[in-house]
Amino acid sequence: MCITEEEKKMNAFCIISIARKLGCSIFLLPEDITEVNQKMILTLTASIMLLVLESTCRIESIKFFRWRGWKPV
């Protein structure tokens, strides 16, 4: 299965679009993904990891507040 340059670019647009919809800060272009710019891909990965960490911490703090009988704002 051979992927054309156009398909690679469309996949890169899709990745960036989904990350934006999730709430990630995006600093790279589709060309950075298709050309495998390692540092820019690392920033995308770090942004996704931060989003996951923040949501996990938010869930854990809500569980803690409910356990203590407090109502988080």
PDB file of N, CA and C in Angstrom:
ATOM      1  N   MET A   1       0.839  -1.168   0.000  1.00  0.00           N
ATOM      2  CA  MET A   1       0.000   0.000   0.000  1.00  0.00           C
ATOM      3  C   MET A   1       0.888   1.236   0.000  1.00  0.00           C
ATOM      4  N   CYS A   2       0.774   2.018  -1.018  1.00  0.00           N
ATOM      5  CA  CYS A   2       1.607   3.205  -1.177  1.00  0.00           C
ATOM      6  C   CYS A   2       0.771   4.457  -0.873  1.00  0.00           C
ATOM      7  N   ILE A   3       1.278   5.299   0.004  1.00  0.00           N
ATOM      8  CA  ILE A   3       0.583   6.532   0.366  1.00  0.00           C
ATOM      9  C   ILE A   3       1.187   7.683  -0.426  1.00  0.00           C
ATOM     10  N   THR A   4       0.336   8.431  -1.091  1.00  0.00           N
ATOM     11  CA  THR A   4       0.806   9.562  -1.892  1.00  0.00           C
ATOM     12  C   THR A   4       1.079  10.762  -0.996  1.00  0.00           C
ATOM     13  N   GLU A   5       1.764  11.753  -1.548  1.00  0.00           N
ATOM     14  CA  GLU A   5       2.056  12.971  -0.804  1.00  0.00           C
ATOM     15  C   GLU A   5       0.770  13.696  -0.410  1.00  0.00           C
ATOM     16  N   GLU A   6      -0.207  13.662  -1.285  1.00  0.00           N
ATOM     17  CA  GLU A   6      -1.493  14.310  -1.000  1.00  0.00           C
ATOM     18  C   GLU A   6      -2.186  13.642   0.188  1.00  0.00           C
ATOM     19  N   GLU A   7      -2.139  12.314   0.243  1.00  0.00           N
ATOM     20  CA  GLU A   7      -2.734  11.587   1.365  1.00  0.00           C
ATOM     21  C   GLU A   7      -2.000  11.888   2.668  1.00  0.00           C
ATOM     22  N   LYS A   8      -0.680  11.997   2.603  1.00  0.00           N
ATOM     23  CA  LYS A   8       0.097  12.342   3.793  1.00  0.00           C
ATOM     24  C   LYS A   8      -0.292  13.720   4.312  1.00  0.00           C
ATOM     25  N   LYS A   9      -0.455  14.671   3.383  1.00  0.00           N
ATOM     26  CA  LYS A   9      -0.819  16.028   3.775  1.00  0.00           C
ATOM     27  C   LYS A   9      -2.215  16.066   4.391  1.00  0.00           C
ATOM     28  N   MET A  10      -3.154  15.325   3.812  1.00  0.00           N
ATOM     29  CA  MET A  10      -4.519  15.277   4.353  1.00  0.00           C
ATOM     30  C   MET A  10      -4.537  14.633   5.741  1.00  0.00           C
ATOM     31  N   ASN A  11      -3.739  13.601   5.949  1.00  0.00           N
ATOM     32  CA  ASN A  11      -3.634  12.973   7.266  1.00  0.00           C
ATOM     33  C   ASN A  11      -3.056  13.953   8.292  1.00  0.00           C
ATOM     34  N   ALA A  12      -2.069  14.737   7.877  1.00  0.00           N
ATOM     35  CA  ALA A  12      -1.475  15.732   8.770  1.00  0.00           C
ATOM     36  C   ALA A  12      -2.502  16.798   9.143  1.00  0.00           C
ATOM     37  N   PHE A  13      -3.293  17.256   8.165  1.00  0.00           N
ATOM     38  CA  PHE A  13      -4.360  18.214   8.451  1.00  0.00           C
ATOM     39  C   PHE A  13      -5.351  17.618   9.452  1.00  0.00           C
ATOM     40  N   CYS A  14      -5.668  16.353   9.289  1.00  0.00           N
ATOM     41  CA  CYS A  14      -6.610  15.673  10.174  1.00  0.00           C
ATOM     42  C   CYS A  14      -6.075  15.605  11.609  1.00  0.00           C
ATOM     43  N   ILE A  15      -4.811  15.258  11.761  1.00  0.00           N
ATOM     44  CA  ILE A  15      -4.184  15.186  13.078  1.00  0.00           C
ATOM     45  C   ILE A  15      -4.246  16.539  13.773  1.00  0.00           C
ATOM     46  N   ILE A  16      -3.886  17.592  13.051  1.00  0.00           N
ATOM     47  CA  ILE A  16      -3.885  18.932  13.625  1.00  0.00           C
ATOM     48  C   ILE A  16      -5.310  19.371  13.979  1.00  0.00           C
ATOM     49  N   SER A  17      -6.254  19.079  13.117  1.00  0.00           N
ATOM     50  CA  SER A  17      -7.645  19.448  13.359  1.00  0.00           C
ATOM     51  C   SER A  17      -8.192  18.769  14.616  1.00  0.00           C
ATOM     52  N   ILE A  18      -7.935  17.493  14.764  1.00  0.00           N
ATOM     53  CA  ILE A  18      -8.412  16.750  15.935  1.00  0.00           C
ATOM     54  C   ILE A  18      -7.756  17.282  17.203  1.00  0.00           C
ATOM     55  N   ALA A  19      -6.461  17.547  17.151  1.00  0.00           N
ATOM     56  CA  ALA A  19      -5.764  18.076  18.332  1.00  0.00           C
ATOM     57  C   ALA A  19      -6.335  19.438  18.737  1.00  0.00           C
ATOM     58  N   ARG A  20      -6.646  20.283  17.760  1.00  0.00           N
ATOM     59  CA  ARG A  20      -7.252  21.585  18.072  1.00  0.00           C
ATOM     60  C   ARG A  20      -8.622  21.415  18.707  1.00  0.00           C
ATOM     61  N   LYS A  21      -9.424  20.493  18.171  1.00  0.00           N
ATOM     62  CA  LYS A  21     -10.758  20.259  18.726  1.00  0.00           C
ATOM     63  C   LYS A  21     -10.680  19.746  20.158  1.00  0.00           C
ATOM     64  N   LEU A  22      -9.638  18.986  20.478  1.00  0.00           N
ATOM     65  CA  LEU A  22      -9.449  18.497  21.837  1.00  0.00           C
ATOM     66  C   LEU A  22      -9.016  19.605  22.796  1.00  0.00           C
ATOM     67  N   GLY A  23      -8.473  20.690  22.245  1.00  0.00           N
ATOM     68  CA  GLY A  23      -8.050  21.812  23.074  1.00  0.00           C
ATOM     69  C   GLY A  23      -6.546  21.962  23.211  1.00  0.00           C
ATOM     70  N   CYS A  24      -5.795  21.278  22.379  1.00  0.00           N
ATOM     71  CA  CYS A  24      -4.332  21.362  22.424  1.00  0.00           C
ATOM     72  C   CYS A  24      -3.841  22.666  21.798  1.00  0.00           C
ATOM     73  N   SER A  25      -2.714  23.140  22.297  1.00  0.00           N
ATOM     74  CA  SER A  25      -2.030  24.262  21.660  1.00  0.00           C
ATOM     75  C   SER A  25      -1.186  23.693  20.530  1.00  0.00           C
ATOM     76  N   ILE A  26      -1.363  24.213  19.338  1.00  0.00           N
ATOM     77  CA  ILE A  26      -0.689  23.670  18.158  1.00  0.00           C
ATOM     78  C   ILE A  26       0.323  24.687  17.639  1.00  0.00           C
ATOM     79  N   PHE A  27       1.553  24.255  17.476  1.00  0.00           N
ATOM     80  CA  PHE A  27       2.621  25.113  17.000  1.00  0.00           C
ATOM     81  C   PHE A  27       3.271  24.610  15.711  1.00  0.00           C
ATOM     82  N   LEU A  28       2.720  23.558  15.134  1.00  0.00           N
ATOM     83  CA  LEU A  28       3.351  22.994  13.946  1.00  0.00           C
ATOM     84  C   LEU A  28       2.423  23.076  12.744  1.00  0.00           C
ATOM     85  N   LEU A  29       2.996  22.904  11.585  1.00  0.00           N
ATOM     86  CA  LEU A  29       2.266  22.923  10.320  1.00  0.00           C
ATOM     87  C   LEU A  29       2.158  21.501   9.784  1.00  0.00           C
ATOM     88  N   PRO A  30       1.236  21.267   8.866  1.00  0.00           N
ATOM     89  CA  PRO A  30       1.139  19.926   8.273  1.00  0.00           C
ATOM     90  C   PRO A  30       2.458  19.476   7.629  1.00  0.00           C
ATOM     91  N   GLU A  31       3.204  20.422   7.090  1.00  0.00           N
ATOM     92  CA  GLU A  31       4.495  20.082   6.478  1.00  0.00           C
ATOM     93  C   GLU A  31       5.479  19.539   7.503  1.00  0.00           C
ATOM     94  N   ASP A  32       5.383  20.018   8.750  1.00  0.00           N
ATOM     95  CA  ASP A  32       6.265  19.498   9.797  1.00  0.00           C
ATOM     96  C   ASP A  32       6.008  18.015  10.040  1.00  0.00           C
ATOM     97  N   ILE A  33       4.772  17.612   9.911  1.00  0.00           N
ATOM     98  CA  ILE A  33       4.426  16.199  10.107  1.00  0.00           C
ATOM     99  C   ILE A  33       4.862  15.373   8.907  1.00  0.00           C
ATOM    100  N   THR A  34       4.544  15.846   7.701  1.00  0.00           N
ATOM    101  CA  THR A  34       4.876  15.062   6.506  1.00  0.00           C
ATOM    102  C   THR A  34       6.382  14.968   6.276  1.00  0.00           C
ATOM    103  N   GLU A  35       7.122  16.000   6.685  1.00  0.00           N
ATOM    104  CA  GLU A  35       8.577  15.983   6.535  1.00  0.00           C
ATOM    105  C   GLU A  35       9.276  15.400   7.764  1.00  0.00           C
ATOM    106  N   VAL A  36       8.510  14.959   8.746  1.00  0.00           N
ATOM    107  CA  VAL A  36       8.988  14.352   9.987  1.00  0.00           C
ATOM    108  C   VAL A  36       9.999  15.272  10.694  1.00  0.00           C
ATOM    109  N   ASN A  37       9.539  16.485  10.988  1.00  0.00           N
ATOM    110  CA  ASN A  37      10.329  17.422  11.789  1.00  0.00           C
ATOM    111  C   ASN A  37      10.174  16.988  13.252  1.00  0.00           C
ATOM    112  N   GLN A  38      11.202  16.314  13.772  1.00  0.00           N
ATOM    113  CA  GLN A  38      11.111  15.650  15.063  1.00  0.00           C
ATOM    114  C   GLN A  38      10.792  16.595  16.212  1.00  0.00           C
ATOM    115  N   LYS A  39      11.388  17.769  16.224  1.00  0.00           N
ATOM    116  CA  LYS A  39      11.156  18.707  17.325  1.00  0.00           C
ATOM    117  C   LYS A  39       9.723  19.222  17.335  1.00  0.00           C
ATOM    118  N   MET A  40       9.183  19.481  16.161  1.00  0.00           N
ATOM    119  CA  MET A  40       7.810  19.969  16.097  1.00  0.00           C
ATOM    120  C   MET A  40       6.810  18.867  16.436  1.00  0.00           C
ATOM    121  N   ILE A  41       7.102  17.650  16.035  1.00  0.00           N
ATOM    122  CA  ILE A  41       6.233  16.530  16.399  1.00  0.00           C
ATOM    123  C   ILE A  41       6.290  16.305  17.904  1.00  0.00           C
ATOM    124  N   LEU A  42       7.451  16.531  18.506  1.00  0.00           N
ATOM    125  CA  LEU A  42       7.580  16.422  19.955  1.00  0.00           C
ATOM    126  C   LEU A  42       6.710  17.465  20.661  1.00  0.00           C
ATOM    127  N   THR A  43       6.624  18.688  20.114  1.00  0.00           N
ATOM    128  CA  THR A  43       5.756  19.698  20.729  1.00  0.00           C
ATOM    129  C   THR A  43       4.290  19.281  20.651  1.00  0.00           C
ATOM    130  N   LEU A  44       3.885  18.666  19.557  1.00  0.00           N
ATOM    131  CA  LEU A  44       2.515  18.162  19.433  1.00  0.00           C
ATOM    132  C   LEU A  44       2.257  17.072  20.466  1.00  0.00           C
ATOM    133  N   THR A  45       3.188  16.147  20.597  1.00  0.00           N
ATOM    134  CA  THR A  45       3.061  15.063  21.567  1.00  0.00           C
ATOM    135  C   THR A  45       2.982  15.612  22.986  1.00  0.00           C
ATOM    136  N   ALA A  46       3.829  16.588  23.307  1.00  0.00           N
ATOM    137  CA  ALA A  46       3.821  17.188  24.638  1.00  0.00           C
ATOM    138  C   ALA A  46       2.503  17.905  24.910  1.00  0.00           C
ATOM    139  N   SER A  47       1.959  18.566  23.912  1.00  0.00           N
ATOM    140  CA  SER A  47       0.682  19.260  24.069  1.00  0.00           C
ATOM    141  C   SER A  47      -0.445  18.271  24.355  1.00  0.00           C
ATOM    142  N   ILE A  48      -0.442  17.147  23.671  1.00  0.00           N
ATOM    143  CA  ILE A  48      -1.462  16.120  23.909  1.00  0.00           C
ATOM    144  C   ILE A  48      -1.278  15.517  25.302  1.00  0.00           C
ATOM    145  N   MET A  49      -0.041  15.266  25.694  1.00  0.00           N
ATOM    146  CA  MET A  49       0.221  14.712  27.025  1.00  0.00           C
ATOM    147  C   MET A  49      -0.228  15.680  28.117  1.00  0.00           C
ATOM    148  N   LEU A  50       0.002  16.982  27.933  1.00  0.00           N
ATOM    149  CA  LEU A  50      -0.432  17.975  28.899  1.00  0.00           C
ATOM    150  C   LEU A  50      -1.946  17.982  29.025  1.00  0.00           C
ATOM    151  N   LEU A  51      -2.644  17.888  27.911  1.00  0.00           N
ATOM    152  CA  LEU A  51      -4.103  17.853  27.926  1.00  0.00           C
ATOM    153  C   LEU A  51      -4.601  16.652  28.733  1.00  0.00           C
ATOM    154  N   VAL A  52      -4.004  15.498  28.514  1.00  0.00           N
ATOM    155  CA  VAL A  52      -4.398  14.288  29.237  1.00  0.00           C
ATOM    156  C   VAL A  52      -4.099  14.437  30.724  1.00  0.00           C
ATOM    157  N   LEU A  53      -2.942  14.968  31.067  1.00  0.00           N
ATOM    158  CA  LEU A  53      -2.564  15.151  32.470  1.00  0.00           C
ATOM    159  C   LEU A  53      -3.509  16.112  33.175  1.00  0.00           C
ATOM    160  N   GLU A  54      -3.841  17.226  32.513  1.00  0.00           N
ATOM    161  CA  GLU A  54      -4.754  18.197  33.109  1.00  0.00           C
ATOM    162  C   GLU A  54      -6.132  17.596  33.343  1.00  0.00           C
ATOM    163  N   SER A  55      -6.623  16.836  32.390  1.00  0.00           N
ATOM    164  CA  SER A  55      -7.952  16.240  32.566  1.00  0.00           C
ATOM    165  C   SER A  55      -7.928  15.180  33.661  1.00  0.00           C
ATOM    166  N   THR A  56      -6.854  14.424  33.764  1.00  0.00           N
ATOM    167  CA  THR A  56      -6.729  13.419  34.811  1.00  0.00           C
ATOM    168  C   THR A  56      -6.677  14.081  36.181  1.00  0.00           C
ATOM    169  N   CYS A  57      -5.912  15.154  36.315  1.00  0.00           N
ATOM    170  CA  CYS A  57      -5.820  15.867  37.593  1.00  0.00           C
ATOM    171  C   CYS A  57      -7.162  16.461  37.973  1.00  0.00           C
ATOM    172  N   ARG A  58      -7.891  16.994  36.991  1.00  0.00           N
ATOM    173  CA  ARG A  58      -9.205  17.575  37.252  1.00  0.00           C
ATOM    174  C   ARG A  58     -10.154  16.503  37.786  1.00  0.00           C
ATOM    175  N   ILE A  59     -10.135  15.333  37.185  1.00  0.00           N
ATOM    176  CA  ILE A  59     -11.014  14.241  37.622  1.00  0.00           C
ATOM    177  C   ILE A  59     -10.639  13.800  39.035  1.00  0.00           C
ATOM    178  N   GLU A  60      -9.348  13.666  39.302  1.00  0.00           N
ATOM    179  CA  GLU A  60      -8.900  13.232  40.625  1.00  0.00           C
ATOM    180  C   GLU A  60      -9.251  14.256  41.695  1.00  0.00           C
ATOM    181  N   SER A  61      -9.150  15.556  41.382  1.00  0.00           N
ATOM    182  CA  SER A  61      -9.484  16.567  42.384  1.00  0.00           C
ATOM    183  C   SER A  61     -10.982  16.560  42.676  1.00  0.00           C
ATOM    184  N   ILE A  62     -11.803  16.330  41.653  1.00  0.00           N
ATOM    185  CA  ILE A  62     -13.255  16.249  41.880  1.00  0.00           C
ATOM    186  C   ILE A  62     -13.573  15.053  42.769  1.00  0.00           C
ATOM    187  N   LYS A  63     -12.923  13.914  42.526  1.00  0.00           N
ATOM    188  CA  LYS A  63     -13.134  12.731  43.362  1.00  0.00           C
ATOM    189  C   LYS A  63     -12.743  13.030  44.805  1.00  0.00           C
ATOM    190  N   PHE A  64     -11.628  13.732  44.999  1.00  0.00           N
ATOM    191  CA  PHE A  64     -11.159  14.054  46.341  1.00  0.00           C
ATOM    192  C   PHE A  64     -12.152  14.960  47.052  1.00  0.00           C
ATOM    193  N   PHE A  65     -12.621  15.998  46.353  1.00  0.00           N
ATOM    194  CA  PHE A  65     -13.571  16.926  46.966  1.00  0.00           C
ATOM    195  C   PHE A  65     -14.866  16.216  47.354  1.00  0.00           C
ATOM    196  N   ARG A  66     -15.351  15.339  46.499  1.00  0.00           N
ATOM    197  CA  ARG A  66     -16.576  14.606  46.818  1.00  0.00           C
ATOM    198  C   ARG A  66     -16.359  13.676  48.002  1.00  0.00           C
ATOM    199  N   TRP A  67     -15.181  13.075  48.080  1.00  0.00           N
ATOM    200  CA  TRP A  67     -14.877  12.170  49.185  1.00  0.00           C
ATOM    201  C   TRP A  67     -14.858  12.942  50.505  1.00  0.00           C
ATOM    202  N   ARG A  68     -14.356  14.184  50.456  1.00  0.00           N
ATOM    203  CA  ARG A  68     -14.290  15.017  51.669  1.00  0.00           C
ATOM    204  C   ARG A  68     -15.617  15.701  51.983  1.00  0.00           C
ATOM    205  N   GLY A  69     -16.595  15.581  51.082  1.00  0.00           N
ATOM    206  CA  GLY A  69     -17.882  16.204  51.309  1.00  0.00           C
ATOM    207  C   GLY A  69     -17.945  17.649  50.818  1.00  0.00           C
ATOM    208  N   TRP A  70     -16.894  18.107  50.116  1.00  0.00           N
ATOM    209  CA  TRP A  70     -16.885  19.463  49.598  1.00  0.00           C
ATOM    210  C   TRP A  70     -17.452  19.477  48.194  1.00  0.00           C
ATOM    211  N   LYS A  71     -17.909  20.639  47.796  1.00  0.00           N
ATOM    212  CA  LYS A  71     -18.405  20.798  46.436  1.00  0.00           C
ATOM    213  C   LYS A  71     -17.462  21.732  45.688  1.00  0.00           C
ATOM    214  N   PRO A  72     -16.719  21.201  44.699  1.00  0.00           N
ATOM    215  CA  PRO A  72     -15.787  22.060  43.942  1.00  0.00           C
ATOM    216  C   PRO A  72     -16.551  23.093  43.111  1.00  0.00           C
ATOM    217  N   VAL A  73     -15.942  24.232  42.960  1.00  0.00           N
ATOM    218  CA  VAL A  73     -16.554  25.325  42.190  1.00  0.00           C
ATOM    219  C   VAL A  73     -16.375  25.089  40.717  1.00  0.00           C
TER     220      VAL A  73
END
